[in-house]
Each structure stands twice: as C-alpha cells, then as structure tokens.
Amino acid sequence: MSKRLRSKNRIAIPVFMDRVSPVLDTCTKIILVEFDQNHEICRTTIGVTGTTPFERVSFFKMVGVQTIICSALSDSFHRMLRDAKIDVVCGVAGDAEEIIKAYISDSLHQKKFQMPGSTSSD
C-alpha cells in the first residue's frame, strides 16, 4: 500500500448502500476521495458513466482516479485498468467509511475487509 504515499492520490470505491459494491463492472456510483499524503482533502459521491469497460476506463481516467478499491471485477476490465495505469485493489468488502479509514491507516490487509473466499487484495 505504499503507493498511496504519493503527494496526492485520488481513490475510487464503488458503493451500494454505503458498502463496497459487489462488482465494479456494473456499479452505478462511486465515492471519490482525494488525499494529500495521509490526509483526506476532498470527498464526493458521483454516478458512473459508461456501460462498456472501455467507457468506464475513460470515465475513471477523466475523473483522475489513480487507485480503485473494489470487491470484484472481470479479468478483462482489470487488465484494461492496469493498462491505463490505474491501480486496482480487489477482494475488499465492507462498509465504505471503514474501508477509507483502513486505506488511510494502511490496514486494508485485515481479514475483516476481505471478501469471503479471497486470499489476496490485488
């Protein structure tokens, strides 16, 4: 998780009912959080545009996302995001607010944030 220590970083978390959305490919809303070092400086919830993986990658690039924290996504979408230089932390589940706090404190690796059956967060 040391990648988040860049001077500025913008993460996206797909959400459904205040929790990490089960599948990034079909999510309709994300929380965007911008950090400067370990300090949150801005947060907003926005609707996701695009239905194809190509459109969604363009959307994430357009809103300046550098890291996406999600539960699951298709292999092809994952590859496209990586090719676009967007870091993906997958296999994460739980309350979005708790996930943001865990990201800040570099504790997303805790078992309580892993999706059932997940063995890795990337």
N, C-alpha and C. Protein backbone atom coordinates (compact mmCIF):
# COMPACT_ATOMS: atom_id res chain seq x y z
N MET A 1 0.80 -1.20 0.00
CA MET A 1 0.00 0.00 0.00
C MET A 1 0.84 1.27 0.00
N SER A 2 2.14 1.17 -0.06
CA SER A 2 2.96 2.37 -0.02
C SER A 2 2.73 3.28 -1.21
N LYS A 3 2.06 2.78 -2.26
CA LYS A 3 1.76 3.62 -3.41
C LYS A 3 0.92 4.82 -3.02
N ARG A 4 0.12 4.71 -1.97
CA ARG A 4 -0.76 5.80 -1.58
C ARG A 4 0.00 6.97 -0.96
N LEU A 5 1.28 6.81 -0.71
CA LEU A 5 2.04 7.86 -0.07
C LEU A 5 2.54 8.92 -1.06
N ARG A 6 2.08 8.84 -2.32
CA ARG A 6 2.38 9.92 -3.27
C ARG A 6 1.90 11.22 -2.65
N SER A 7 2.41 12.35 -3.14
CA SER A 7 1.98 13.60 -2.54
C SER A 7 0.48 13.78 -2.65
N LYS A 8 -0.11 13.40 -3.79
CA LYS A 8 -1.57 13.44 -3.93
C LYS A 8 -2.03 12.15 -4.58
N ASN A 9 -3.18 11.68 -4.15
CA ASN A 9 -3.72 10.44 -4.68
C ASN A 9 -5.24 10.54 -4.65
N ARG A 10 -5.89 10.06 -5.70
CA ARG A 10 -7.35 10.03 -5.75
C ARG A 10 -7.78 8.58 -5.90
N ILE A 11 -8.58 8.12 -4.93
CA ILE A 11 -9.08 6.76 -4.98
C ILE A 11 -10.58 6.76 -5.31
N ALA A 12 -11.04 5.64 -5.83
CA ALA A 12 -12.47 5.44 -6.09
C ALA A 12 -12.89 4.14 -5.44
N ILE A 13 -14.05 4.19 -4.80
CA ILE A 13 -14.65 2.99 -4.21
C ILE A 13 -16.07 2.88 -4.76
N PRO A 14 -16.37 1.81 -5.50
CA PRO A 14 -17.74 1.62 -5.96
C PRO A 14 -18.62 1.29 -4.76
N VAL A 15 -19.79 1.94 -4.67
CA VAL A 15 -20.63 1.73 -3.49
C VAL A 15 -22.07 1.37 -3.85
N PHE A 16 -22.65 0.60 -2.95
CA PHE A 16 -24.07 0.26 -3.00
C PHE A 16 -24.53 0.19 -1.54
N MET A 17 -25.46 1.06 -1.19
CA MET A 17 -25.98 1.11 0.18
C MET A 17 -24.87 1.27 1.23
N ASP A 18 -23.96 2.20 0.98
CA ASP A 18 -22.86 2.54 1.89
C ASP A 18 -21.82 1.45 2.08
N ARG A 19 -21.86 0.42 1.26
CA ARG A 19 -20.88 -0.66 1.32
C ARG A 19 -20.17 -0.76 -0.03
N VAL A 20 -19.03 -1.43 -0.04
CA VAL A 20 -18.33 -1.64 -1.30
C VAL A 20 -19.23 -2.48 -2.20
N SER A 21 -19.47 -1.97 -3.39
CA SER A 21 -20.33 -2.65 -4.36
C SER A 21 -19.73 -4.01 -4.73
N PRO A 22 -20.58 -5.03 -4.93
CA PRO A 22 -20.05 -6.37 -5.19
C PRO A 22 -19.24 -6.50 -6.49
N VAL A 23 -19.62 -5.76 -7.55
CA VAL A 23 -18.93 -5.92 -8.84
C VAL A 23 -18.67 -4.54 -9.46
N LEU A 24 -17.42 -4.23 -9.68
CA LEU A 24 -17.04 -2.94 -10.26
C LEU A 24 -17.62 -2.76 -11.66
N ASP A 25 -17.65 -3.81 -12.45
CA ASP A 25 -18.10 -3.73 -13.84
C ASP A 25 -19.50 -3.14 -13.98
N THR A 26 -20.36 -3.33 -13.00
CA THR A 26 -21.75 -2.90 -13.10
C THR A 26 -22.16 -1.87 -12.05
N CYS A 27 -21.22 -1.33 -11.31
CA CYS A 27 -21.58 -0.35 -10.28
C CYS A 27 -22.14 0.92 -10.94
N THR A 28 -22.98 1.63 -10.21
CA THR A 28 -23.58 2.85 -10.74
C THR A 28 -23.12 4.10 -10.00
N LYS A 29 -22.39 3.92 -8.89
CA LYS A 29 -21.99 5.06 -8.08
C LYS A 29 -20.64 4.77 -7.42
N ILE A 30 -19.81 5.81 -7.31
CA ILE A 30 -18.51 5.68 -6.63
C ILE A 30 -18.34 6.82 -5.64
N ILE A 31 -17.53 6.53 -4.63
CA ILE A 31 -17.03 7.59 -3.75
C ILE A 31 -15.63 7.91 -4.24
N LEU A 32 -15.39 9.18 -4.53
CA LEU A 32 -14.05 9.65 -4.90
C LEU A 32 -13.45 10.33 -3.68
N VAL A 33 -12.26 9.92 -3.31
CA VAL A 33 -11.58 10.52 -2.16
C VAL A 33 -10.20 10.95 -2.61
N GLU A 34 -9.87 12.20 -2.35
CA GLU A 34 -8.55 12.71 -2.69
C GLU A 34 -7.75 12.90 -1.40
N PHE A 35 -6.50 12.42 -1.45
CA PHE A 35 -5.61 12.51 -0.30
C PHE A 35 -4.39 13.34 -0.66
N ASP A 36 -3.85 14.01 0.32
CA ASP A 36 -2.54 14.63 0.23
C ASP A 36 -1.75 14.02 1.38
N GLN A 37 -0.78 13.19 1.04
CA GLN A 37 -0.10 12.33 2.00
C GLN A 37 -1.16 11.44 2.66
N ASN A 38 -1.27 11.42 3.96
CA ASN A 38 -2.26 10.58 4.63
C ASN A 38 -3.49 11.36 5.05
N HIS A 39 -3.70 12.53 4.50
CA HIS A 39 -4.81 13.39 4.93
C HIS A 39 -5.84 13.52 3.81
N GLU A 40 -7.08 13.20 4.16
CA GLU A 40 -8.17 13.36 3.21
C GLU A 40 -8.41 14.85 2.99
N ILE A 41 -8.46 15.27 1.72
CA ILE A 41 -8.70 16.69 1.45
C ILE A 41 -10.01 16.94 0.72
N CYS A 42 -10.58 15.88 0.12
CA CYS A 42 -11.82 16.08 -0.62
C CYS A 42 -12.51 14.73 -0.79
N ARG A 43 -13.86 14.75 -0.70
CA ARG A 43 -14.63 13.53 -0.92
C ARG A 43 -15.95 13.88 -1.60
N THR A 44 -16.33 13.07 -2.58
CA THR A 44 -17.60 13.27 -3.26
C THR A 44 -18.13 11.93 -3.76
N THR A 45 -19.43 11.84 -3.89
CA THR A 45 -20.06 10.65 -4.46
C THR A 45 -20.64 11.04 -5.81
N ILE A 46 -20.29 10.26 -6.84
CA ILE A 46 -20.76 10.58 -8.19
C ILE A 46 -21.26 9.32 -8.90
N GLY A 47 -22.11 9.53 -9.89
CA GLY A 47 -22.58 8.43 -10.72
C GLY A 47 -21.53 8.05 -11.74
N VAL A 48 -21.46 6.77 -12.05
CA VAL A 48 -20.50 6.25 -13.03
C VAL A 48 -21.14 6.32 -14.41
N THR A 49 -20.39 6.83 -15.37
CA THR A 49 -20.89 6.88 -16.74
C THR A 49 -20.26 5.75 -17.55
N GLY A 50 -20.94 5.37 -18.60
CA GLY A 50 -20.44 4.32 -19.48
C GLY A 50 -20.93 2.95 -19.06
N THR A 51 -21.13 2.11 -20.05
CA THR A 51 -21.56 0.75 -19.76
C THR A 51 -20.53 -0.28 -20.20
N THR A 52 -19.70 0.06 -21.16
CA THR A 52 -18.67 -0.88 -21.60
C THR A 52 -17.40 -0.66 -20.78
N PRO A 53 -16.54 -1.67 -20.70
CA PRO A 53 -15.28 -1.47 -19.99
C PRO A 53 -14.46 -0.31 -20.56
N PHE A 54 -14.45 -0.14 -21.88
CA PHE A 54 -13.71 0.98 -22.49
C PHE A 54 -14.24 2.32 -21.98
N GLU A 55 -15.57 2.47 -21.96
CA GLU A 55 -16.18 3.72 -21.48
C GLU A 55 -15.89 3.94 -20.01
N ARG A 56 -15.90 2.89 -19.25
CA ARG A 56 -15.65 3.02 -17.81
C ARG A 56 -14.18 3.37 -17.52
N VAL A 57 -13.27 2.79 -18.25
CA VAL A 57 -11.86 3.16 -18.08
C VAL A 57 -11.68 4.64 -18.41
N SER A 58 -12.30 5.09 -19.49
CA SER A 58 -12.23 6.51 -19.86
C SER A 58 -12.81 7.39 -18.75
N PHE A 59 -13.92 6.96 -18.17
CA PHE A 59 -14.54 7.71 -17.07
C PHE A 59 -13.58 7.83 -15.89
N PHE A 60 -12.99 6.70 -15.48
CA PHE A 60 -12.07 6.74 -14.33
C PHE A 60 -10.86 7.62 -14.61
N LYS A 61 -10.35 7.58 -15.84
CA LYS A 61 -9.24 8.47 -16.20
C LYS A 61 -9.69 9.93 -16.17
N MET A 62 -10.89 10.20 -16.71
CA MET A 62 -11.40 11.57 -16.78
C MET A 62 -11.55 12.19 -15.38
N VAL A 63 -11.97 11.41 -14.40
CA VAL A 63 -12.15 11.96 -13.05
C VAL A 63 -10.87 11.87 -12.22
N GLY A 64 -9.78 11.41 -12.83
CA GLY A 64 -8.48 11.45 -12.18
C GLY A 64 -8.20 10.36 -11.17
N VAL A 65 -8.87 9.22 -11.30
CA VAL A 65 -8.66 8.11 -10.35
C VAL A 65 -7.30 7.48 -10.58
N GLN A 66 -6.58 7.27 -9.49
CA GLN A 66 -5.29 6.59 -9.54
C GLN A 66 -5.37 5.19 -8.95
N THR A 67 -6.30 4.98 -8.03
CA THR A 67 -6.47 3.68 -7.37
C THR A 67 -7.95 3.39 -7.20
N ILE A 68 -8.35 2.16 -7.50
CA ILE A 68 -9.71 1.71 -7.27
C ILE A 68 -9.67 0.59 -6.24
N ILE A 69 -10.49 0.73 -5.22
CA ILE A 69 -10.64 -0.31 -4.21
C ILE A 69 -12.01 -0.94 -4.44
N CYS A 70 -12.03 -2.25 -4.73
CA CYS A 70 -13.30 -2.89 -5.07
C CYS A 70 -13.35 -4.32 -4.56
N SER A 71 -14.54 -4.90 -4.69
CA SER A 71 -14.73 -6.30 -4.31
C SER A 71 -14.27 -7.22 -5.43
N ALA A 72 -14.95 -7.11 -6.58
CA ALA A 72 -14.64 -7.99 -7.70
C ALA A 72 -14.82 -7.23 -9.01
N LEU A 73 -14.15 -7.73 -10.05
CA LEU A 73 -14.29 -7.19 -11.39
C LEU A 73 -13.85 -8.26 -12.38
N SER A 74 -14.27 -8.11 -13.60
CA SER A 74 -13.89 -9.10 -14.62
C SER A 74 -12.40 -8.99 -14.92
N ASP A 75 -11.82 -10.10 -15.38
CA ASP A 75 -10.40 -10.12 -15.71
C ASP A 75 -10.06 -9.11 -16.81
N SER A 76 -10.93 -9.03 -17.82
CA SER A 76 -10.63 -8.12 -18.93
C SER A 76 -10.67 -6.66 -18.47
N PHE A 77 -11.63 -6.29 -17.63
CA PHE A 77 -11.71 -4.93 -17.10
C PHE A 77 -10.49 -4.64 -16.23
N HIS A 78 -10.08 -5.61 -15.42
CA HIS A 78 -8.91 -5.45 -14.56
C HIS A 78 -7.67 -5.16 -15.40
N ARG A 79 -7.49 -5.92 -16.48
CA ARG A 79 -6.33 -5.70 -17.37
C ARG A 79 -6.38 -4.32 -18.01
N MET A 80 -7.57 -3.91 -18.43
CA MET A 80 -7.71 -2.59 -19.07
C MET A 80 -7.37 -1.46 -18.09
N LEU A 81 -7.79 -1.59 -16.85
CA LEU A 81 -7.47 -0.58 -15.84
C LEU A 81 -5.97 -0.53 -15.58
N ARG A 82 -5.35 -1.67 -15.46
CA ARG A 82 -3.90 -1.71 -15.25
C ARG A 82 -3.16 -1.11 -16.44
N ASP A 83 -3.62 -1.42 -17.66
CA ASP A 83 -3.01 -0.85 -18.86
C ASP A 83 -3.14 0.67 -18.88
N ALA A 84 -4.21 1.18 -18.26
CA ALA A 84 -4.43 2.62 -18.17
C ALA A 84 -3.70 3.24 -16.98
N LYS A 85 -2.87 2.44 -16.31
CA LYS A 85 -2.07 2.90 -15.16
C LYS A 85 -2.93 3.26 -13.95
N ILE A 86 -4.06 2.57 -13.79
CA ILE A 86 -4.91 2.73 -12.61
C ILE A 86 -4.69 1.49 -11.74
N ASP A 87 -4.24 1.72 -10.51
CA ASP A 87 -4.03 0.62 -9.57
C ASP A 87 -5.38 0.07 -9.12
N VAL A 88 -5.44 -1.24 -8.96
CA VAL A 88 -6.68 -1.89 -8.52
C VAL A 88 -6.38 -2.74 -7.30
N VAL A 89 -7.12 -2.50 -6.24
CA VAL A 89 -7.06 -3.32 -5.03
C VAL A 89 -8.41 -4.02 -4.96
N CYS A 90 -8.40 -5.33 -5.24
CA CYS A 90 -9.67 -6.05 -5.29
C CYS A 90 -9.75 -7.08 -4.16
N GLY A 91 -10.95 -7.64 -4.02
CA GLY A 91 -11.17 -8.60 -2.94
C GLY A 91 -11.53 -7.93 -1.63
N VAL A 92 -11.91 -6.65 -1.69
CA VAL A 92 -12.20 -5.86 -0.49
C VAL A 92 -13.72 -5.76 -0.31
N ALA A 93 -14.17 -5.98 0.91
CA ALA A 93 -15.60 -5.90 1.22
C ALA A 93 -15.79 -5.15 2.53
N GLY A 94 -16.97 -4.55 2.68
CA GLY A 94 -17.29 -3.91 3.95
C GLY A 94 -17.87 -2.53 3.76
N ASP A 95 -18.05 -1.86 4.88
CA ASP A 95 -18.59 -0.52 4.92
C ASP A 95 -17.59 0.45 4.29
N ALA A 96 -18.06 1.28 3.38
CA ALA A 96 -17.17 2.18 2.64
C ALA A 96 -16.38 3.10 3.57
N GLU A 97 -17.03 3.63 4.59
CA GLU A 97 -16.33 4.53 5.52
C GLU A 97 -15.19 3.80 6.23
N GLU A 98 -15.43 2.57 6.65
CA GLU A 98 -14.38 1.78 7.29
C GLU A 98 -13.24 1.47 6.33
N ILE A 99 -13.59 1.24 5.06
CA ILE A 99 -12.57 0.95 4.05
C ILE A 99 -11.68 2.18 3.84
N ILE A 100 -12.27 3.35 3.80
CA ILE A 100 -11.48 4.59 3.64
C ILE A 100 -10.54 4.76 4.82
N LYS A 101 -11.03 4.57 6.03
CA LYS A 101 -10.18 4.67 7.23
C LYS A 101 -9.06 3.64 7.20
N ALA A 102 -9.38 2.41 6.77
CA ALA A 102 -8.36 1.37 6.69
C ALA A 102 -7.31 1.71 5.64
N TYR A 103 -7.73 2.31 4.54
CA TYR A 103 -6.79 2.72 3.50
C TYR A 103 -5.83 3.77 4.04
N ILE A 104 -6.38 4.75 4.74
CA ILE A 104 -5.55 5.81 5.33
C ILE A 104 -4.53 5.23 6.30
N SER A 105 -4.96 4.28 7.12
CA SER A 105 -4.07 3.71 8.14
C SER A 105 -3.27 2.51 7.63
N ASP A 106 -3.35 2.24 6.33
CA ASP A 106 -2.62 1.14 5.70
C ASP A 106 -2.97 -0.20 6.34
N SER A 107 -4.28 -0.41 6.61
CA SER A 107 -4.69 -1.66 7.25
C SER A 107 -5.77 -2.40 6.46
N LEU A 108 -5.82 -2.19 5.14
CA LEU A 108 -6.78 -2.90 4.31
C LEU A 108 -6.51 -4.41 4.25
N HIS A 109 -5.33 -4.82 4.62
CA HIS A 109 -4.96 -6.23 4.57
C HIS A 109 -5.66 -7.06 5.65
N GLN A 110 -6.35 -6.43 6.59
CA GLN A 110 -7.03 -7.17 7.66
C GLN A 110 -8.07 -8.13 7.09
N LYS A 111 -8.18 -9.27 7.70
CA LYS A 111 -9.12 -10.31 7.25
C LYS A 111 -10.56 -9.80 7.21
N LYS A 112 -10.94 -8.91 8.09
CA LYS A 112 -12.33 -8.43 8.13
C LYS A 112 -12.71 -7.63 6.88
N PHE A 113 -11.74 -7.18 6.10
CA PHE A 113 -12.02 -6.45 4.87
C PHE A 113 -11.94 -7.33 3.62
N GLN A 114 -11.63 -8.59 3.79
CA GLN A 114 -11.52 -9.50 2.63
C GLN A 114 -12.88 -10.08 2.28
N MET A 115 -13.14 -10.16 0.99
CA MET A 115 -14.34 -10.86 0.53
C MET A 115 -14.22 -12.32 0.91
N PRO A 116 -15.34 -12.95 1.22
CA PRO A 116 -15.29 -14.40 1.51
C PRO A 116 -14.66 -15.13 0.33
N GLY A 117 -13.69 -15.98 0.63
CA GLY A 117 -13.00 -16.74 -0.41
C GLY A 117 -11.82 -16.04 -1.01
N SER A 118 -11.60 -14.77 -0.65
CA SER A 118 -10.48 -14.01 -1.21
C SER A 118 -9.22 -14.30 -0.41
N THR A 119 -8.12 -14.46 -1.14
CA THR A 119 -6.84 -14.71 -0.45
C THR A 119 -5.85 -13.58 -0.66
N SER A 120 -6.20 -12.62 -1.52
CA SER A 120 -5.28 -11.54 -1.85
C SER A 120 -6.06 -10.27 -2.09
N SER A 121 -5.42 -9.12 -1.91
CA SER A 121 -6.09 -7.85 -2.19
C SER A 121 -5.61 -7.24 -3.50
N ASP A 122 -4.94 -8.00 -4.33
CA ASP A 122 -4.53 -7.48 -5.64
C ASP A 122 -4.31 -8.60 -6.60
